[in-house]
């Protein structure tokens, strides 16, 4: 390393502190600087002389990346990298890395919790009892056993596969759609490959999203898509909020086209206080926390810090998502 400490910049975080990152980086001739950036100007000022950038939700767009004079890596706290302009980073020769394996079980468990809560009507029945009433709170038809249902999984990466494994224990039919996963690979599991997007929509009693946000997937669940789903189906989203056209989702829930939804992600985030979806009794919500557990968060933070350190040392980088090799700079 150079005699002058290299700079690792953290643009934003949702953790109580940065002690894990400090412990990993401070003993390696690295200066760690951080700021909860609220604007593009904040970001540009912070990253301009960074040797490595770690980011969580800040928008690392073309303007911000262009201001990076010495960056050898951009590391995302998380799996998705939709807040980073991958193409511009590639053009500048800056690798972008994620942490693809840190919360697989947590998100899969959260998905099952959502599915069971909606099919067994846990929240309405809890509220019913708290109101001093006894007996079933909803129509009998809304109380479903997974064994009798078809669940459609959109996206068959690490999380989608773990969701499938959990669902198979409940003896339901599982349909899978993922255009980048060969049908033969899906067929090797106990799931059934969907013939098409429309086929999955038409056959599924529950649809759960586990795909990334890309130009091809954004707003894929819009009014026409909801119109092709079974009437009374359940919609689960723990992927990304912008996979869904939010007004179309609200309309489908209001009309009864969808019986219920369970959402951990939204567009925008946080949900505006006046958003009608906050008041809908057939919607279960959580605040983008499906990935959360002490073990998962520690792994996320340790991995991000170690990737930054590898970049500073010129070591090969893991989890590069934009095709740039280690050690390249602009």
Protein backbone atom coordinates (compact mmCIF):
# COMPACT_ATOMS: atom_id res chain seq x y z
CA UNK A 1 0.00 0.00 0.00
CA UNK A 2 0.98 3.66 -0.38
CA UNK A 3 2.41 5.59 2.59
CA UNK A 4 -0.63 7.87 2.49
CA UNK A 5 -3.74 6.10 3.83
CA UNK A 6 -6.26 5.20 1.16
CA UNK A 7 -9.82 6.40 1.61
CA UNK A 8 -12.88 4.22 1.95
CA UNK A 9 -16.08 6.26 1.78
CA UNK A 10 -19.47 5.10 3.10
CA UNK A 11 -22.24 7.19 1.57
CA UNK A 12 -25.17 6.07 3.74
CA UNK A 13 -26.19 3.31 6.13
CA UNK A 14 -29.08 2.15 8.30
CA UNK A 15 -27.00 0.53 11.05
CA UNK A 16 -26.62 1.99 14.56
CA UNK A 17 -22.92 2.64 13.93
CA UNK A 18 -20.02 1.66 11.67
CA UNK A 19 -17.90 -0.14 14.25
CA UNK A 20 -17.70 -3.37 12.22
CA UNK A 21 -16.37 -1.54 9.18
CA UNK A 22 -13.99 0.50 11.32
CA UNK A 23 -12.59 -2.64 12.94
CA UNK A 24 -11.86 -4.28 9.57
CA UNK A 25 -10.46 -1.23 7.80
CA UNK A 26 -8.71 0.81 10.48
CA UNK A 27 -5.84 -1.61 10.97
CA UNK A 28 -5.00 -1.70 7.27
CA UNK A 29 -3.67 1.80 6.63
CA UNK A 30 -7.11 2.92 5.52
CA UNK A 31 -8.94 6.14 6.34
CA UNK A 32 -12.69 5.56 6.71
CA UNK A 33 -14.95 8.54 6.04
CA UNK A 34 -18.72 8.47 6.17
CA UNK A 35 -21.71 10.74 5.81
CA UNK A 36 -25.46 10.19 5.55
CA UNK A 37 -25.66 11.75 2.10
CA UNK A 38 -28.99 13.38 1.31
CA UNK A 39 -28.23 14.96 -2.06
CA UNK A 40 -26.15 14.55 -5.20
CA UNK A 41 -23.97 17.42 -4.04
CA UNK A 42 -23.24 15.59 -0.78
CA UNK A 43 -22.30 12.47 -2.70
CA UNK A 44 -20.07 14.25 -5.21
CA UNK A 45 -18.16 16.05 -2.47
CA UNK A 46 -17.69 12.85 -0.49
CA UNK A 47 -16.65 10.42 -3.25
CA UNK A 48 -14.43 12.65 -5.39
CA UNK A 49 -11.15 11.46 -3.87
CA UNK A 50 -12.32 8.06 -2.58
CA UNK A 51 -10.30 4.95 -3.35
CA UNK A 52 -13.31 2.73 -2.54
CA UNK A 53 -16.98 3.57 -2.13
CA UNK A 54 -19.48 1.59 -0.07
CA UNK A 55 -23.13 2.54 -0.52
CA UNK A 56 -26.53 1.35 0.64
CA UNK A 57 -29.46 3.29 -0.80
CA UNK A 58 -27.81 6.49 -2.11
CA UNK A 59 -28.28 7.04 -5.85
CA UNK A 60 -24.89 6.49 -7.44
CA UNK A 61 -25.74 7.83 -10.87
CA UNK A 62 -23.62 8.97 -13.81
CA UNK A 63 -22.94 12.38 -12.27
CA UNK A 64 -21.71 10.88 -9.00
CA UNK A 65 -19.60 8.22 -10.71
CA UNK A 66 -18.05 10.81 -13.02
CA UNK A 67 -16.85 12.68 -9.93
CA UNK A 68 -14.88 9.64 -8.71
CA UNK A 69 -11.26 10.34 -9.61
CA UNK A 70 -9.56 7.41 -7.86
CA UNK A 71 -12.25 4.83 -7.09
CA UNK A 72 -11.19 1.22 -7.51
CA UNK A 73 -14.53 -0.28 -6.49
CA UNK A 74 -18.13 0.56 -5.64
CA UNK A 75 -19.60 -1.90 -3.14
CA UNK A 76 -23.35 -2.14 -2.51
CA UNK A 77 -24.60 -3.11 0.94
CA UNK A 78 -27.07 -5.65 -0.45
CA UNK A 79 -27.98 -7.95 -3.30
CA UNK A 80 -29.68 -5.56 -5.71
CA UNK A 81 -27.59 -2.88 -7.41
CA UNK A 82 -30.34 -0.83 -9.02
CA UNK A 83 -29.21 2.36 -7.26
CA UNK A 84 -25.85 2.22 -9.09
CA UNK A 85 -25.39 3.08 -12.78
CA UNK A 86 -23.58 -0.10 -13.77
CA UNK A 87 -22.91 0.92 -17.36
CA UNK A 88 -21.28 4.22 -16.47
CA UNK A 89 -19.18 2.49 -13.83
CA UNK A 90 -18.13 -0.07 -16.45
CA UNK A 91 -17.18 2.66 -18.90
CA UNK A 92 -15.06 4.26 -16.19
CA UNK A 93 -13.43 0.91 -15.39
CA UNK A 94 -14.80 0.80 -11.85
CA UNK A 95 -15.95 -2.63 -10.65
CA UNK A 96 -19.32 -2.74 -8.89
CA UNK A 97 -19.71 -5.52 -6.32
CA UNK A 98 -22.68 -6.70 -4.30
CA UNK A 99 -23.21 -9.14 -1.43
CA UNK A 100 -25.39 -11.80 -3.06
CA UNK A 101 -25.54 -14.40 -0.31
CA UNK A 102 -26.05 -12.58 2.96
CA UNK A 103 -29.81 -12.83 3.68
CA UNK A 104 -31.10 -15.76 1.67
CA UNK A 105 -32.79 -17.58 4.53
CA UNK A 106 -34.15 -14.41 6.11
CA UNK A 107 -35.92 -13.27 2.93
CA UNK A 108 -37.17 -16.77 2.17
CA UNK A 109 -38.55 -17.05 5.71
CA UNK A 110 -40.17 -13.62 5.41
CA UNK A 111 -41.81 -14.71 2.16
CA UNK A 112 -43.27 -17.78 3.82
CA UNK A 113 -44.45 -15.67 6.73
CA UNK A 114 -46.28 -13.41 4.27
CA UNK A 115 -47.79 -16.36 2.41
CA UNK A 116 -49.00 -18.07 5.57
CA UNK A 117 -50.29 -14.83 7.09
CA UNK A 118 -52.42 -14.15 4.00
CA UNK A 119 -53.67 -17.67 3.38
CA UNK A 120 -54.53 -18.17 7.06
CA UNK A 121 -55.80 -14.60 7.57
CA UNK A 122 -53.64 -14.06 10.65
CA UNK A 123 -53.90 -10.27 10.81
CA UNK A 124 -57.70 -9.97 10.35
CA UNK A 125 -58.32 -12.65 12.94
CA UNK A 126 -55.96 -10.99 15.41
CA UNK A 127 -57.74 -7.65 14.97
CA UNK A 128 -61.11 -9.41 15.27
CA UNK A 129 -60.19 -10.82 18.66
CA UNK A 130 -58.72 -7.55 19.87
CA UNK A 131 -62.05 -5.91 19.04
CA UNK A 132 -63.73 -8.27 21.51
CA UNK A 133 -65.21 -10.58 18.89
CA UNK A 134 -64.99 -14.36 18.66
CA UNK A 135 -65.04 -16.67 15.66
CA UNK A 136 -63.70 -16.38 12.14
CA UNK A 137 -63.10 -12.82 10.99
CA UNK A 138 -63.22 -13.38 7.24
CA UNK A 139 -65.29 -15.41 4.78
CA UNK A 140 -64.53 -19.11 5.01
CA UNK A 141 -63.33 -19.12 1.40
CA UNK A 142 -60.39 -16.90 2.36
CA UNK A 143 -58.99 -19.54 4.72
CA UNK A 144 -56.79 -21.66 2.46
CA UNK A 145 -54.41 -24.60 2.85
CA UNK A 146 -51.25 -24.35 0.78
CA UNK A 147 -51.61 -28.00 -0.22
CA UNK A 148 -54.53 -26.99 -2.42
CA UNK A 149 -52.86 -23.99 -4.04
CA UNK A 150 -50.44 -23.17 -6.84
CA UNK A 151 -47.66 -20.72 -6.02
CA UNK A 152 -45.88 -18.92 -8.85
CA UNK A 153 -42.29 -17.85 -8.20
CA UNK A 154 -40.93 -15.10 -10.46
CA UNK A 155 -37.15 -15.26 -10.25
CA UNK A 156 -35.18 -18.42 -9.49
CA UNK A 157 -31.96 -17.17 -7.95
CA UNK A 158 -30.75 -18.03 -4.47
CA UNK A 159 -33.81 -16.64 -2.71
CA UNK A 160 -36.34 -17.98 -5.19
CA UNK A 161 -34.88 -21.47 -4.80
CA UNK A 162 -35.04 -21.31 -1.02
CA UNK A 163 -38.66 -20.18 -1.20
CA UNK A 164 -39.37 -23.15 -3.47
CA UNK A 165 -37.76 -25.58 -1.02
CA UNK A 166 -39.85 -24.24 1.83
CA UNK A 167 -43.06 -24.33 -0.19
CA UNK A 168 -42.58 -27.93 -1.25
CA UNK A 169 -42.79 -28.93 2.41
CA UNK A 170 -46.37 -27.63 2.36
CA UNK A 171 -47.20 -29.92 -0.60
CA UNK A 172 -48.36 -27.14 -2.91
CA UNK A 173 -47.78 -26.95 -6.64
CA UNK A 174 -44.89 -24.60 -7.43
CA UNK A 175 -44.52 -22.89 -10.79
CA UNK A 176 -41.26 -21.11 -11.62
CA UNK A 177 -40.45 -18.45 -14.21
CA UNK A 178 -36.96 -17.11 -14.81
CA UNK A 179 -35.83 -16.36 -18.38
CA UNK A 180 -32.14 -16.64 -17.50
CA UNK A 181 -32.44 -20.08 -15.87
CA UNK A 182 -32.69 -23.02 -18.30
CA UNK A 183 -35.97 -24.93 -18.16
CA UNK A 184 -33.96 -28.12 -17.76
CA UNK A 185 -32.44 -26.75 -14.55
CA UNK A 186 -35.85 -25.88 -13.12
CA UNK A 187 -37.15 -29.31 -14.11
CA UNK A 188 -34.42 -30.98 -12.05
CA UNK A 189 -36.08 -29.59 -8.95
CA UNK A 190 -39.53 -30.55 -7.75
CA UNK A 191 -40.91 -27.30 -9.15
CA UNK A 192 -42.61 -26.96 -12.53
CA UNK A 193 -41.27 -24.53 -15.14
CA UNK A 194 -43.94 -22.09 -16.28
CA UNK A 195 -44.47 -22.06 -20.03
CA UNK A 196 -44.62 -18.27 -20.06
CA UNK A 197 -45.32 -15.24 -17.89
CA UNK A 198 -49.00 -15.39 -18.86
CA UNK A 199 -49.10 -19.09 -17.99
CA UNK A 200 -47.74 -18.40 -14.50
CA UNK A 201 -50.22 -15.57 -13.95
CA UNK A 202 -53.20 -17.62 -15.07
CA UNK A 203 -52.32 -20.70 -13.03
CA UNK A 204 -51.12 -19.23 -9.74
CA UNK A 205 -53.21 -18.66 -6.63
CA UNK A 206 -50.22 -16.84 -5.12
CA UNK A 207 -47.49 -14.96 -7.01
CA UNK A 208 -44.26 -14.07 -5.24
CA UNK A 209 -41.49 -11.89 -6.70
CA UNK A 210 -37.77 -12.66 -6.34
CA UNK A 211 -36.25 -11.02 -9.41
CA UNK A 212 -33.94 -8.00 -9.69
CA UNK A 213 -34.96 -4.57 -10.86
CA UNK A 214 -33.80 -4.19 -14.47
CA UNK A 215 -35.01 -2.42 -17.58
CA UNK A 216 -36.88 -5.62 -18.47
CA UNK A 217 -38.54 -6.19 -15.10
CA UNK A 218 -39.52 -2.69 -13.95
CA UNK A 219 -43.32 -2.29 -13.85
CA UNK A 220 -43.73 -5.84 -15.15
CA UNK A 221 -46.65 -6.15 -12.75
CA UNK A 222 -48.97 -3.55 -14.22
CA UNK A 223 -52.70 -3.37 -14.94
CA UNK A 224 -52.58 -5.88 -17.84
CA UNK A 225 -50.55 -8.34 -15.75
CA UNK A 226 -52.90 -8.11 -12.77
CA UNK A 227 -55.78 -8.57 -15.18
CA UNK A 228 -54.32 -11.92 -16.28
CA UNK A 229 -54.06 -13.28 -12.74
CA UNK A 230 -56.67 -15.50 -11.15
CA UNK A 231 -59.42 -13.45 -9.57
CA UNK A 232 -58.85 -13.55 -5.84
CA UNK A 233 -55.12 -14.32 -6.12
CA UNK A 234 -52.57 -13.17 -3.55
CA UNK A 235 -49.58 -11.01 -4.48
CA UNK A 236 -46.27 -11.07 -2.55
CA UNK A 237 -43.36 -8.71 -3.18
CA UNK A 238 -40.09 -8.91 -1.26
CA UNK A 239 -38.00 -8.11 -4.34
CA UNK A 240 -38.03 -4.47 -5.43
CA UNK A 241 -40.80 -1.89 -5.29
CA UNK A 242 -40.40 -0.77 -8.88
CA UNK A 243 -41.23 -4.22 -10.22
CA UNK A 244 -44.82 -3.12 -9.65
CA UNK A 245 -46.98 -0.32 -10.96
CA UNK A 246 -48.27 0.88 -7.59
CA UNK A 247 -51.55 2.49 -8.77
CA UNK A 248 -52.37 -0.67 -10.72
CA UNK A 249 -51.76 -2.78 -7.61
CA UNK A 250 -54.06 -0.58 -5.52
CA UNK A 251 -56.74 -0.76 -8.22
CA UNK A 252 -56.51 -4.57 -8.38
CA UNK A 253 -56.89 -4.80 -4.60
CA UNK A 254 -59.80 -2.36 -4.53
CA UNK A 255 -61.67 -4.17 -7.29
CA UNK A 256 -61.26 -7.61 -5.71
CA UNK A 257 -59.20 -8.81 -8.65
CA UNK A 258 -56.55 -9.48 -6.03
CA UNK A 259 -57.73 -10.79 -2.68
CA UNK A 260 -54.67 -9.64 -0.78
CA UNK A 261 -51.09 -8.47 -0.98
CA UNK A 262 -48.08 -8.64 1.31
CA UNK A 263 -45.31 -6.15 0.60
CA UNK A 264 -41.86 -5.52 2.04
CA UNK A 265 -40.75 -3.16 -0.75
CA UNK A 266 -42.41 -0.14 -2.32
CA UNK A 267 -42.03 2.58 -4.91
CA UNK A 268 -41.18 5.08 -3.60
CA UNK A 269 -39.59 4.28 -0.25
CA UNK A 270 -40.47 5.20 2.43
CA UNK A 271 -44.18 4.96 1.59
CA UNK A 272 -45.70 8.46 1.57
CA UNK A 273 -47.89 8.96 4.63
CA UNK A 274 -50.94 9.64 2.45
CA UNK A 275 -50.55 6.51 0.33
CA UNK A 276 -53.89 4.69 0.27
CA UNK A 277 -52.20 1.30 0.54
CA UNK A 278 -51.39 2.02 4.19
CA UNK A 279 -55.11 1.91 4.99
CA UNK A 280 -56.08 -1.18 3.02
CA UNK A 281 -57.22 -4.04 5.30
CA UNK A 282 -56.24 -6.70 2.77
CA UNK A 283 -52.58 -5.64 2.66
CA UNK A 284 -49.78 -6.70 5.03
CA UNK A 285 -46.78 -4.40 5.13
CA UNK A 286 -43.22 -4.33 6.41
CA UNK A 287 -40.61 -1.61 5.90
CA UNK A 288 -38.01 -3.29 3.62
CA UNK A 289 -36.81 -5.43 6.52
CA UNK A 290 -37.11 -8.96 5.09
CA UNK A 291 -33.33 -9.28 5.06
CA UNK A 292 -32.91 -8.41 8.71
CA UNK A 293 -31.29 -10.61 11.34
CA UNK A 294 -28.19 -10.04 13.46
CA UNK A 295 -26.24 -12.70 11.57
CA UNK A 296 -27.27 -11.43 8.15
CA UNK A 297 -26.46 -7.80 8.88
CA UNK A 298 -23.05 -8.69 10.29
CA UNK A 299 -22.23 -10.78 7.21
CA UNK A 300 -23.37 -7.95 4.95
CA UNK A 301 -21.18 -5.36 6.63
CA UNK A 302 -18.13 -7.59 6.99
CA UNK A 303 -18.31 -8.69 3.36
CA UNK A 304 -18.67 -5.12 2.06
CA UNK A 305 -15.68 -3.94 4.10
CA UNK A 306 -13.51 -6.87 3.03
CA UNK A 307 -14.35 -6.30 -0.65
CA UNK A 308 -13.30 -2.67 -0.32
CA UNK A 309 -10.05 -3.78 1.30
CA UNK A 310 -9.38 -6.29 -1.48
CA UNK A 311 -9.80 -3.54 -4.07
CA UNK A 312 -7.31 -1.31 -2.28
CA UNK A 313 -4.80 -4.16 -2.22
CA UNK A 314 -5.34 -5.00 -5.88
CA UNK A 315 -6.65 -8.47 -5.06
CA UNK A 316 -9.19 -10.25 -7.27
CA UNK A 317 -12.70 -9.09 -6.41
CA UNK A 318 -15.71 -11.32 -5.75
CA UNK A 319 -19.27 -10.59 -6.84
CA UNK A 320 -18.46 -8.14 -9.64
CA UNK A 321 -21.77 -7.39 -11.38
CA UNK A 322 -20.71 -5.04 -14.19
CA UNK A 323 -17.96 -7.07 -15.86
CA UNK A 324 -14.96 -5.02 -14.73
CA UNK A 325 -11.88 -6.85 -13.51
CA UNK A 326 -10.10 -6.12 -10.23
CA UNK A 327 -7.55 -3.36 -9.92
CA UNK A 328 -8.78 -1.23 -12.84
CA UNK A 329 -9.16 2.49 -12.38
CA UNK A 330 -10.34 5.34 -14.51
